C-alpha atoms as a PDB file:
ATOM      1  CA  MET A   1     -62.207  -4.977-106.131  1.00  0.00           C
ATOM      2  CA  ASN A   2     -61.613  -3.300-102.759  1.00  0.00           C
ATOM      3  CA  ALA A   3     -58.700  -4.509-100.659  1.00  0.00           C
ATOM      4  CA  PRO A   4     -59.581  -6.405 -97.447  1.00  0.00           C
ATOM      5  CA  VAL A   5     -59.440  -4.565 -94.126  1.00  0.00           C
ATOM      6  CA  GLU A   6     -57.168  -6.397 -91.690  1.00  0.00           C
ATOM      7  CA  GLY A   7     -56.057  -6.082 -88.093  1.00  0.00           C
ATOM      8  CA  VAL A   8     -57.451  -4.586 -84.892  1.00  0.00           C
ATOM      9  CA  LEU A   9     -57.167  -0.813 -84.582  1.00  0.00           C
ATOM     10  CA  ILE A  10     -58.255  -0.258 -80.965  1.00  0.00           C
ATOM     11  CA  ASP A  11     -56.982  -2.544 -78.206  1.00  0.00           C
ATOM     12  CA  ARG A  12     -58.843  -0.963 -75.304  1.00  0.00           C
ATOM     13  CA  ILE A  13     -61.063   2.012 -74.483  1.00  0.00           C
ATOM     14  CA  VAL A  14     -60.157   3.202 -70.996  1.00  0.00           C
ATOM     15  CA  LEU A  15     -62.329   6.246 -70.396  1.00  0.00           C
ATOM     16  CA  VAL A  16     -65.119   8.310 -71.953  1.00  0.00           C
ATOM     17  CA  ASP A  17     -66.443  11.239 -69.927  1.00  0.00           C
ATOM     18  CA  ARG A  18     -67.717  14.800 -69.770  1.00  0.00           C
ATOM     19  CA  ILE A  19     -65.725  16.812 -67.225  1.00  0.00           C
ATOM     20  CA  THR A  20     -66.438  20.292 -65.861  1.00  0.00           C
ATOM     21  CA  ARG A  21     -64.123  22.606 -63.914  1.00  0.00           C
ATOM     22  CA  ARG A  22     -65.895  25.439 -62.091  1.00  0.00           C
ATOM     23  CA  LYS A  23     -63.013  27.298 -60.420  1.00  0.00           C
ATOM     24  CA  ARG A  24     -60.810  29.859 -62.136  1.00  0.00           C
ATOM     25  CA  ASN A  25     -57.101  30.475 -61.574  1.00  0.00           C
ATOM     26  CA  ILE A  26     -56.531  26.947 -60.303  1.00  0.00           C
ATOM     27  CA  LEU A  27     -53.581  25.063 -61.771  1.00  0.00           C
ATOM     28  CA  HIS A  28     -54.313  21.513 -62.890  1.00  0.00           C
ATOM     29  CA  THR A  29     -51.075  19.621 -63.526  1.00  0.00           C
ATOM     30  CA  ALA A  30     -51.161  16.068 -64.831  1.00  0.00           C
ATOM     31  CA  SER A  31     -49.913  13.645 -67.431  1.00  0.00           C
ATOM     32  CA  SER A  32     -52.322  12.608 -70.129  1.00  0.00           C
ATOM     33  CA  LEU A  33     -53.230   8.955 -69.834  1.00  0.00           C
ATOM     34  CA  PRO A  34     -51.209   6.244 -71.633  1.00  0.00           C
ATOM     35  CA  GLY A  35     -52.199   5.763 -75.268  1.00  0.00           C
ATOM     36  CA  HIS A  36     -54.310   8.334 -77.112  1.00  0.00           C
ATOM     37  CA  LEU A  37     -56.522  10.974 -75.526  1.00  0.00           C
ATOM     38  CA  ILE A  38     -58.881  13.190 -77.534  1.00  0.00           C
ATOM     39  CA  GLN A  39     -60.470  16.220 -75.883  1.00  0.00           C
ATOM     40  CA  LEU A  40     -63.212  18.517 -77.209  1.00  0.00           C
ATOM     41  CA  THR A  41     -63.980  21.747 -75.342  1.00  0.00           C
ATOM     42  CA  ILE A  42     -67.707  22.455 -75.290  1.00  0.00           C
ATOM     43  CA  GLU A  43     -67.903  25.418 -72.874  1.00  0.00           C
ATOM     44  CA  GLY A  44     -65.543  27.955 -71.291  1.00  0.00           C
ATOM     45  CA  THR A  45     -61.840  28.439 -71.977  1.00  0.00           C
ATOM     46  CA  ALA A  46     -58.567  27.204 -70.513  1.00  0.00           C
ATOM     47  CA  HIS A  47     -54.886  28.035 -70.953  1.00  0.00           C
ATOM     48  CA  HIS A  48     -52.764  24.942 -71.750  1.00  0.00           C
ATOM     49  CA  GLU A  49     -49.036  24.257 -71.699  1.00  0.00           C
ATOM     50  CA  SER A  50     -47.960  20.891 -73.096  1.00  0.00           C
ATOM     51  CA  GLU A  51     -44.705  19.635 -74.620  1.00  0.00           C
ATOM     52  CA  GLY A  52     -43.533  23.166 -75.384  1.00  0.00           C
ATOM     53  CA  ARG A  53     -46.876  24.282 -76.827  1.00  0.00           C
ATOM     54  CA  VAL A  54     -48.919  27.097 -75.293  1.00  0.00           C
ATOM     55  CA  PHE A  55     -52.508  27.393 -76.470  1.00  0.00           C
ATOM     56  CA  GLU A  56     -56.015  28.405 -75.418  1.00  0.00           C
ATOM     57  CA  THR A  57     -58.828  25.867 -75.644  1.00  0.00           C
ATOM     58  CA  LYS A  58     -62.195  27.322 -76.622  1.00  0.00           C
ATOM     59  CA  PRO A  59     -65.536  25.739 -77.543  1.00  0.00           C
ATOM     60  CA  GLY A  60     -65.155  23.696 -80.703  1.00  0.00           C
ATOM     61  CA  LEU A  61     -61.403  23.057 -80.317  1.00  0.00           C
ATOM     62  CA  VAL A  62     -60.142  19.458 -80.462  1.00  0.00           C
ATOM     63  CA  VAL A  63     -56.819  18.479 -78.862  1.00  0.00           C
ATOM     64  CA  TRP A  64     -55.222  15.076 -79.450  1.00  0.00           C
ATOM     65  CA  PHE A  65     -52.717  14.049 -76.773  1.00  0.00           C
ATOM     66  CA  CYS A  66     -50.562  10.944 -77.103  1.00  0.00           C
ATOM     67  CA  GLN A  67     -48.364   8.883 -74.807  1.00  0.00           C
ATOM     68  CA  ASP A  68     -48.255  10.579 -71.436  1.00  0.00           C
ATOM     69  CA  GLU A  69     -47.854  14.226 -72.416  1.00  0.00           C
ATOM     70  CA  GLU A  70     -47.371  16.441 -69.373  1.00  0.00           C
ATOM     71  CA  VAL A  71     -50.044  19.135 -69.279  1.00  0.00           C
ATOM     72  CA  ARG A  72     -50.544  22.311 -67.222  1.00  0.00           C
ATOM     73  CA  VAL A  73     -54.013  23.831 -67.409  1.00  0.00           C
ATOM     74  CA  GLN A  74     -55.421  27.091 -66.035  1.00  0.00           C
ATOM     75  CA  VAL A  75     -59.168  27.612 -66.389  1.00  0.00           C
ATOM     76  CA  THR A  76     -59.701  31.166 -67.670  1.00  0.00           C
ATOM     77  CA  LYS A  77     -63.487  31.179 -68.209  1.00  0.00           C
ATOM     78  CA  THR A  78     -65.859  29.059 -66.168  1.00  0.00           C
ATOM     79  CA  PRO A  79     -67.449  26.678 -66.311  1.00  0.00           C
ATOM     80  CA  TRP A  80     -64.883  24.922 -68.491  1.00  0.00           C
ATOM     81  CA  SER A  81     -66.388  21.697 -69.825  1.00  0.00           C
ATOM     82  CA  PHE A  82     -64.928  19.171 -72.202  1.00  0.00           C
ATOM     83  CA  LEU A  83     -65.643  15.734 -73.615  1.00  0.00           C
ATOM     84  CA  THR A  84     -62.754  13.296 -73.470  1.00  0.00           C
ATOM     85  CA  VAL A  85     -61.887   9.766 -74.558  1.00  0.00           C
ATOM     86  CA  ASN A  86     -58.775   7.757 -73.703  1.00  0.00           C
ATOM     87  CA  PHE A  87     -57.958   4.629 -75.699  1.00  0.00           C
ATOM     88  CA  ILE A  88     -55.051   2.278 -76.378  1.00  0.00           C
ATOM     89  CA  ALA A  89     -54.259   1.806 -80.071  1.00  0.00           C
ATOM     90  CA  PRO A  90     -50.567   0.947 -80.585  1.00  0.00           C
ATOM     91  CA  HIS A  91     -50.889   0.715 -84.375  1.00  0.00           C
ATOM     92  CA  LEU A  92     -52.639   4.068 -84.781  1.00  0.00           C
ATOM     93  CA  PRO A  93     -50.131   6.887 -85.334  1.00  0.00           C
ATOM     94  CA  PRO A  94     -51.107  10.176 -83.685  1.00  0.00           C
ATOM     95  CA  PRO A  95     -51.571  13.261 -85.839  1.00  0.00           C
ATOM     96  CA  PRO A  96     -48.404  15.174 -86.688  1.00  0.00           C
ATOM     97  CA  PHE A  97     -47.396  17.348 -83.743  1.00  0.00           C
ATOM     98  CA  ASP A  98     -48.375  20.577 -85.518  1.00  0.00           C
ATOM     99  CA  GLN A  99     -51.838  19.163 -86.365  1.00  0.00           C
ATOM    100  CA  SER A 100     -52.819  17.760 -82.978  1.00  0.00           C
ATOM    101  CA  ILE A 101     -54.821  20.920 -82.165  1.00  0.00           C
ATOM    102  CA  ARG A 102     -57.605  21.750 -84.604  1.00  0.00           C
ATOM    103  CA  GLN A 103     -61.137  23.041 -84.984  1.00  0.00           C
ATOM    104  CA  ALA A 104     -63.913  20.465 -84.713  1.00  0.00           C
ATOM    105  CA  SER A 105     -66.073  19.664 -87.706  1.00  0.00           C
ATOM    106  CA  PRO A 106     -69.849  20.302 -87.603  1.00  0.00           C
ATOM    107  CA  TYR A 107     -70.280  16.626 -86.650  1.00  0.00           C
ATOM    108  CA  THR A 108     -67.591  16.181 -83.976  1.00  0.00           C
ATOM    109  CA  ARG A 109     -69.670  16.996 -80.917  1.00  0.00           C
ATOM    110  CA  GLN A 110     -72.542  14.719 -81.936  1.00  0.00           C
ATOM    111  CA  LEU A 111     -70.123  11.872 -82.585  1.00  0.00           C
ATOM    112  CA  PHE A 112     -68.613  12.456 -79.133  1.00  0.00           C
ATOM    113  CA  GLU A 113     -72.065  12.569 -77.500  1.00  0.00           C
ATOM    114  CA  ASN A 114     -73.028   9.307 -79.219  1.00  0.00           C
ATOM    115  CA  LEU A 115     -69.855   7.709 -77.901  1.00  0.00           C
ATOM    116  CA  LEU A 116     -70.514   8.943 -74.359  1.00  0.00           C
ATOM    117  CA  GLN A 117     -74.142   7.793 -74.464  1.00  0.00           C
ATOM    118  CA  ASN A 118     -73.216   4.253 -75.481  1.00  0.00           C
ATOM    119  CA  TRP A 119     -70.293   4.171 -73.031  1.00  0.00           C
ATOM    120  CA  ARG A 120     -72.694   4.956 -70.188  1.00  0.00           C
ATOM    121  CA  ASN A 121     -75.387   2.554 -71.379  1.00  0.00           C
ATOM    122  CA  ARG A 122     -75.063  -0.220 -68.815  1.00  0.00           C
ATOM    123  CA  GLN A 123     -78.481  -1.611 -69.794  1.00  0.00           C
ATOM    124  CA  ALA A 124     -77.255  -2.763 -73.198  1.00  0.00           C
ATOM    125  CA  LYS A 125     -76.010  -6.300 -73.665  1.00  0.00           C
ATOM    126  CA  PRO A 126     -72.206  -6.363 -73.237  1.00  0.00           C
ATOM    127  CA  LEU A 127     -71.561  -7.416 -76.833  1.00  0.00           C
ATOM    128  CA  ILE A 128     -73.867  -4.733 -78.255  1.00  0.00           C
ATOM    129  CA  ARG A 129     -72.307  -2.064 -75.997  1.00  0.00           C
ATOM    130  CA  HIS A 130     -68.823  -3.201 -77.045  1.00  0.00           C
ATOM    131  CA  ILE A 131     -69.692  -2.991 -80.738  1.00  0.00           C
ATOM    132  CA  MET A 132     -71.440   0.377 -80.446  1.00  0.00           C
ATOM    133  CA  VAL A 133     -68.695   2.019 -78.382  1.00  0.00           C
ATOM    134  CA  ASN A 134     -65.972   0.826 -80.757  1.00  0.00           C
ATOM    135  CA  ALA A 135     -67.988   1.935 -83.788  1.00  0.00           C
ATOM    136  CA  ASN A 136     -68.618   5.365 -82.236  1.00  0.00           C
ATOM    137  CA  LEU A 137     -64.932   5.800 -81.448  1.00  0.00           C
ATOM    138  CA  CYS A 138     -63.866   4.800 -84.962  1.00  0.00           C
ATOM    139  CA  ASN A 139     -66.289   7.359 -86.390  1.00  0.00           C
ATOM    140  CA  LEU A 140     -64.893  10.024 -84.076  1.00  0.00           C
ATOM    141  CA  ILE A 141     -61.294   9.194 -84.994  1.00  0.00           C
ATOM    142  CA  ALA A 142     -62.130   9.376 -88.688  1.00  0.00           C
ATOM    143  CA  ASP A 143     -63.732  12.778 -88.114  1.00  0.00           C
ATOM    144  CA  VAL A 144     -60.871  14.377 -86.170  1.00  0.00           C
ATOM    145  CA  LEU A 145     -57.883  12.900 -88.021  1.00  0.00           C
ATOM    146  CA  PRO A 146     -56.213  15.388 -90.361  1.00  0.00           C
ATOM    147  CA  SER A 147     -56.501  14.721 -94.051  1.00  0.00           C
ATOM    148  CA  GLU A 148     -53.675  12.630 -95.503  1.00  0.00           C
ATOM    149  CA  SER A 149     -52.822  15.502 -97.823  1.00  0.00           C
ATOM    150  CA  ALA A 150     -52.326  17.960 -94.962  1.00  0.00           C
ATOM    151  CA  PRO A 151     -48.751  19.297 -95.064  1.00  0.00           C
ATOM    152  CA  PHE A 152     -46.404  18.626 -92.171  1.00  0.00           C
ATOM    153  CA  TYR A 153     -42.697  18.488 -91.462  1.00  0.00           C
ATOM    154  CA  ILE A 154     -40.871  15.766 -89.532  1.00  0.00           C
ATOM    155  CA  ASP A 155     -37.478  16.681 -88.152  1.00  0.00           C
ATOM    156  CA  PRO A 156     -35.158  13.918 -89.507  1.00  0.00           C
ATOM    157  CA  MET A 157     -33.031  13.901 -86.358  1.00  0.00           C
ATOM    158  CA  ALA A 158     -36.057  13.680 -84.035  1.00  0.00           C
ATOM    159  CA  GLN A 159     -37.547  10.961 -86.249  1.00  0.00           C
ATOM    160  CA  ILE A 160     -34.577   8.698 -85.451  1.00  0.00           C
ATOM    161  CA  TRP A 161     -35.618   8.758 -81.803  1.00  0.00           C
ATOM    162  CA  TRP A 162     -39.369   8.431 -82.384  1.00  0.00           C
ATOM    163  CA  GLU A 163     -38.835   5.310 -84.486  1.00  0.00           C
ATOM    164  CA  LEU A 164     -36.640   3.797 -81.771  1.00  0.00           C
ATOM    165  CA  GLU A 165     -39.074   4.783 -79.028  1.00  0.00           C
ATOM    166  CA  ALA A 166     -41.907   2.971 -80.817  1.00  0.00           C
ATOM    167  CA  GLN A 167     -39.818  -0.230 -80.641  1.00  0.00           C
ATOM    168  CA  LEU A 168     -38.893   0.334 -77.003  1.00  0.00           C
ATOM    169  CA  ARG A 169     -42.514   0.794 -75.949  1.00  0.00           C
ATOM    170  CA  GLU A 170     -43.315  -2.687 -77.304  1.00  0.00           C
ATOM    171  CA  HIS A 171     -40.612  -4.292 -75.131  1.00  0.00           C
ATOM    172  CA  LEU A 172     -40.610  -2.313 -71.897  1.00  0.00           C
ATOM    173  CA  GLN A 173     -40.249  -5.476 -69.842  1.00  0.00           C
ATOM    174  CA  GLU A 174     -36.800  -6.077 -71.336  1.00  0.00           C
ATOM    175  CA  PRO A 175     -33.682  -4.380 -69.892  1.00  0.00           C
ATOM    176  CA  SER A 176     -32.117  -1.661 -72.038  1.00  0.00           C
ATOM    177  CA  ASP A 177     -28.952   0.380 -71.902  1.00  0.00           C
ATOM    178  CA  LEU A 178     -27.330   2.862 -74.249  1.00  0.00           C
ATOM    179  CA  LYS A 179     -25.171   0.170 -75.845  1.00  0.00           C
ATOM    180  CA  LEU A 180     -28.270  -1.829 -76.747  1.00  0.00           C
ATOM    181  CA  LEU A 181     -30.025   1.250 -78.132  1.00  0.00           C
ATOM    182  CA  CYS A 182     -27.044   1.927 -80.372  1.00  0.00           C
ATOM    183  CA  LYS A 183     -27.100  -1.683 -81.587  1.00  0.00           C
ATOM    184  CA  MET A 184     -30.854  -1.508 -82.316  1.00  0.00           C
ATOM    185  CA  THR A 185     -30.470   1.568 -84.483  1.00  0.00           C
ATOM    186  CA  GLY A 186     -26.964   1.230 -85.866  1.00  0.00           C
ATOM    187  CA  ARG A 187     -26.326   4.765 -84.586  1.00  0.00           C
ATOM    188  CA  SER A 188     -23.665   6.166 -82.301  1.00  0.00           C
ATOM    189  CA  ALA A 189     -24.412   7.178 -78.713  1.00  0.00           C
ATOM    190  CA  ARG A 190     -23.807  10.798 -79.664  1.00  0.00           C
ATOM    191  CA  THR A 191     -26.350  10.616 -82.505  1.00  0.00           C
ATOM    192  CA  LEU A 192     -28.954   8.996 -80.257  1.00  0.00           C
ATOM    193  CA  TYR A 193     -28.408  11.642 -77.600  1.00  0.00           C
ATOM    194  CA  ARG A 194     -28.916  14.422 -80.172  1.00  0.00           C
ATOM    195  CA  ALA A 195     -31.976  12.693 -81.645  1.00  0.00           C
ATOM    196  CA  CYS A 196     -33.607  12.129 -78.258  1.00  0.00           C
ATOM    197  CA  HIS A 197     -32.857  15.640 -77.069  1.00  0.00           C
ATOM    198  CA  ARG A 198     -34.237  17.099 -80.308  1.00  0.00           C
ATOM    199  CA  ALA A 199     -37.431  15.029 -79.962  1.00  0.00           C
ATOM    200  CA  THR A 200     -38.055  15.209 -76.207  1.00  0.00           C
ATOM    201  CA  GLY A 201     -35.548  17.569 -74.597  1.00  0.00           C
ATOM    202  CA  MET A 202     -34.163  14.657 -72.570  1.00  0.00           C
ATOM    203  CA  ALA A 203     -31.255  12.203 -72.608  1.00  0.00           C
ATOM    204  CA  PRO A 204     -32.109   8.694 -73.931  1.00  0.00           C
ATOM    205  CA  LEU A 205     -31.994   6.755 -70.657  1.00  0.00           C
ATOM    206  CA  LYS A 206     -33.822   9.489 -68.776  1.00  0.00           C
ATOM    207  CA  ARG A 207     -36.540   9.422 -71.432  1.00  0.00           C
ATOM    208  CA  LEU A 208     -36.727   5.631 -71.220  1.00  0.00           C
ATOM    209  CA  LYS A 209     -37.137   5.786 -67.443  1.00  0.00           C
ATOM    210  CA  LYS A 210     -39.939   8.319 -67.851  1.00  0.00           C
ATOM    211  CA  ILE A 211     -41.700   6.033 -70.345  1.00  0.00           C
ATOM    212  CA  ARG A 212     -41.417   3.093 -67.933  1.00  0.00           C
ATOM    213  CA  LEU A 213     -42.754   5.113 -65.006  1.00  0.00           C
ATOM    214  CA  ASN A 214     -45.638   6.612 -66.978  1.00  0.00           C
ATOM    215  CA  MET A 215     -46.618   3.168 -68.235  1.00  0.00           C
ATOM    216  CA  ALA A 216     -46.362   1.853 -64.691  1.00  0.00           C
ATOM    217  CA  ARG A 217     -48.681   4.628 -63.558  1.00  0.00           C
ATOM    218  CA  GLY A 218     -51.184   3.765 -66.257  1.00  0.00           C
ATOM    219  CA  LEU A 219     -51.198   0.151 -65.053  1.00  0.00           C
ATOM    220  CA  ILE A 220     -51.466   1.228 -61.407  1.00  0.00           C
ATOM    221  CA  LEU A 221     -54.465   3.471 -62.120  1.00  0.00           C
ATOM    222  CA  HIS A 222     -56.264   1.462 -64.801  1.00  0.00           C
ATOM    223  CA  SER A 223     -55.578  -2.224 -64.180  1.00  0.00           C
ATOM    224  CA  MET A 224     -55.960  -4.793 -61.423  1.00  0.00           C
ATOM    225  CA  LEU A 225     -52.323  -5.928 -61.624  1.00  0.00           C
ATOM    226  CA  ASN A 226     -50.464  -6.011 -58.333  1.00  0.00           C
ATOM    227  CA  ILE A 227     -47.361  -3.869 -57.950  1.00  0.00           C
ATOM    228  CA  SER A 228     -44.980  -6.790 -58.524  1.00  0.00           C
ATOM    229  CA  GLU A 229     -46.661  -7.551 -61.839  1.00  0.00           C
ATOM    230  CA  VAL A 230     -46.544  -3.881 -62.826  1.00  0.00           C
ATOM    231  CA  ALA A 231     -42.821  -3.759 -62.032  1.00  0.00           C
ATOM    232  CA  TYR A 232     -42.200  -6.772 -64.279  1.00  0.00           C
ATOM    233  CA  ARG A 233     -44.304  -5.345 -67.120  1.00  0.00           C
ATOM    234  CA  VAL A 234     -42.260  -2.143 -67.267  1.00  0.00           C
ATOM    235  CA  GLY A 235     -38.795  -3.642 -66.866  1.00  0.00           C
ATOM    236  CA  TYR A 236     -38.015  -3.338 -63.158  1.00  0.00           C
ATOM    237  CA  ASP A 237     -36.316  -6.370 -61.574  1.00  0.00           C
ATOM    238  CA  ARG A 238     -37.180  -5.285 -58.039  1.00  0.00           C
ATOM    239  CA  VAL A 239     -40.430  -3.815 -56.721  1.00  0.00           C
ATOM    240  CA  GLN A 240     -38.469  -1.652 -54.299  1.00  0.00           C
ATOM    241  CA  GLU A 241     -36.693   0.091 -57.187  1.00  0.00           C
ATOM    242  CA  LEU A 242     -39.986   0.818 -58.916  1.00  0.00           C
ATOM    243  CA  CYS A 243     -41.522   2.197 -55.700  1.00  0.00           C
ATOM    244  CA  ARG A 244     -38.471   4.400 -55.091  1.00  0.00           C
ATOM    245  CA  ASP A 245     -38.444   5.854 -58.606  1.00  0.00           C
ATOM    246  CA  TYR A 246     -42.248   6.140 -58.656  1.00  0.00           C
ATOM    247  CA  ARG A 247     -42.321   8.158 -55.455  1.00  0.00           C
ATOM    248  CA  HIS A 248     -39.503  10.395 -56.651  1.00  0.00           C
ATOM    249  CA  HIS A 249     -41.272  11.051 -59.978  1.00  0.00           C
ATOM    250  CA  PHE A 250     -44.920  11.336 -58.845  1.00  0.00           C
ATOM    251  CA  ASN A 251     -44.555  12.271 -55.149  1.00  0.00           C
ATOM    252  CA  LEU A 252     -46.728   9.294 -54.214  1.00  0.00           C
ATOM    253  CA  THR A 253     -46.121   5.590 -53.746  1.00  0.00           C
ATOM    254  CA  PRO A 254     -47.895   3.288 -56.221  1.00  0.00           C
ATOM    255  CA  SER A 255     -50.357   2.230 -53.502  1.00  0.00           C
ATOM    256  CA  GLN A 256     -51.151   5.831 -52.564  1.00  0.00           C
ATOM    257  CA  ASP A 257     -51.623   6.746 -56.225  1.00  0.00           C
ATOM    258  CA  ARG A 258     -53.993   3.839 -56.840  1.00  0.00           C
ATOM    259  CA  THR A 259     -56.059   4.843 -53.809  1.00  0.00           C
ATOM    260  CA  ALA A 260     -56.256   8.503 -54.941  1.00  0.00           C
ATOM    261  CA  GLY A 261     -57.463   7.560 -58.434  1.00  0.00           C
ATOM    262  CA  PRO A 262     -56.816   9.101 -61.880  1.00  0.00           C
ATOM    263  CA  ASP A 263     -55.594  12.694 -62.266  1.00  0.00           C
ATOM    264  CA  TYR A 264     -58.626  13.777 -64.222  1.00  0.00           C
ATOM    265  CA  ARG A 265     -60.693  13.364 -61.048  1.00  0.00           C
ATOM    266  CA  ARG A 266     -58.258  15.381 -58.919  1.00  0.00           C
ATOM    267  CA  THR A 267     -57.847  19.130 -58.489  1.00  0.00           C
ATOM    268  CA  SER A 268     -54.592  20.783 -57.484  1.00  0.00           C
ATOM    269  CA  GLN A 269     -55.512  23.781 -55.365  1.00  0.00           C
ATOM    270  CA  LYS A 270     -52.460  25.738 -56.421  1.00  0.00           C
ATOM    271  CA  PRO A 271     -52.804  29.326 -57.697  1.00  0.00           C
ATOM    272  CA  TYR A 272     -51.627  29.734 -61.258  1.00  0.00           C
ATOM    273  CA  HIS A 273     -49.294  32.514 -62.303  1.00  0.00           C
ATOM    274  CA  ASN A 274     -48.537  33.288 -65.916  1.00  0.00           C
ATOM    275  CA  PRO A 275     -44.857  32.730 -66.635  1.00  0.00           C
END
C-alpha cells in the first residue's frame, strides 16, 4: 500500500514570464526574488556571476536560484530570452549548490510553456487556473530536480549555518542577537562566525540583516502590506530604522522601490567590463 501524500508544497506562485533582453554589453544587477526562482534560457547567451559562481547561460540551460541570490548578468548574444518562474515553497529544499545549474530535459521547455500559458489564462475560472498552474509547476519541479542519487558534498561547517538560517527565516519578526544564535545552536560565537563565513562570506549578524532586508524588499515589491507592517514582519521595531537600512542597502527608499517595480522589469544602463 502506498504511503499517503501530506502537506502543501507550494505556498505561493509570484511570477511566471518570458523575458527578452535585446541589448549587449549592458550590466543587469539584481537580487533574485525571495523563495525559489527557476530560469530556462531559450535563445541567446549571457554571462552570469552569482554567489561566487561564474557561468554562461545558453539555450537549454536551467538555473535554479534560491533565497535572494545576488546576480550580475551581461548579455553576450542577443536577443537573450528566458522563461522564469518565482515561487514560495519553504518546505522544498533547493538543489545542492553544485547541481543548481544543469541541462534541461527534452520536456522542460514544453512544461515551462504549459505553465506560462495557464498563468496567462485570465479567461479560466479562478479555481481551474489555480489548479492548472500549481499542477504545471509541480511537473516542472519534478523535471528539473536532480535525481536523489546524484552525488554532492555538503561542507559540515557551512551546514551548521544553513540549518540555523532555515530556523531564523521562519521567525524574522523576532529580535535576534549573537547570544541568542549561540543558544539556539549550542555553538560558540566563534564557531557560528566560522560557519556563517564559510557558507555566505559574511558575519552572522550582517547576514541576518541582509536576510531581513531582502525579505522586506520582497514584501515591498510583491505584497500590499504598508511599510509599517513590512517592518514588523521582518523584525524592525521602528519604520525609520527599516527605511534607513533599506536605502543604504538598495539605494532607494521602500516607497521609491515599490513605485519602480521589480528588478526583472528594470535595465541598468551600465557598461559591463569583464573582471
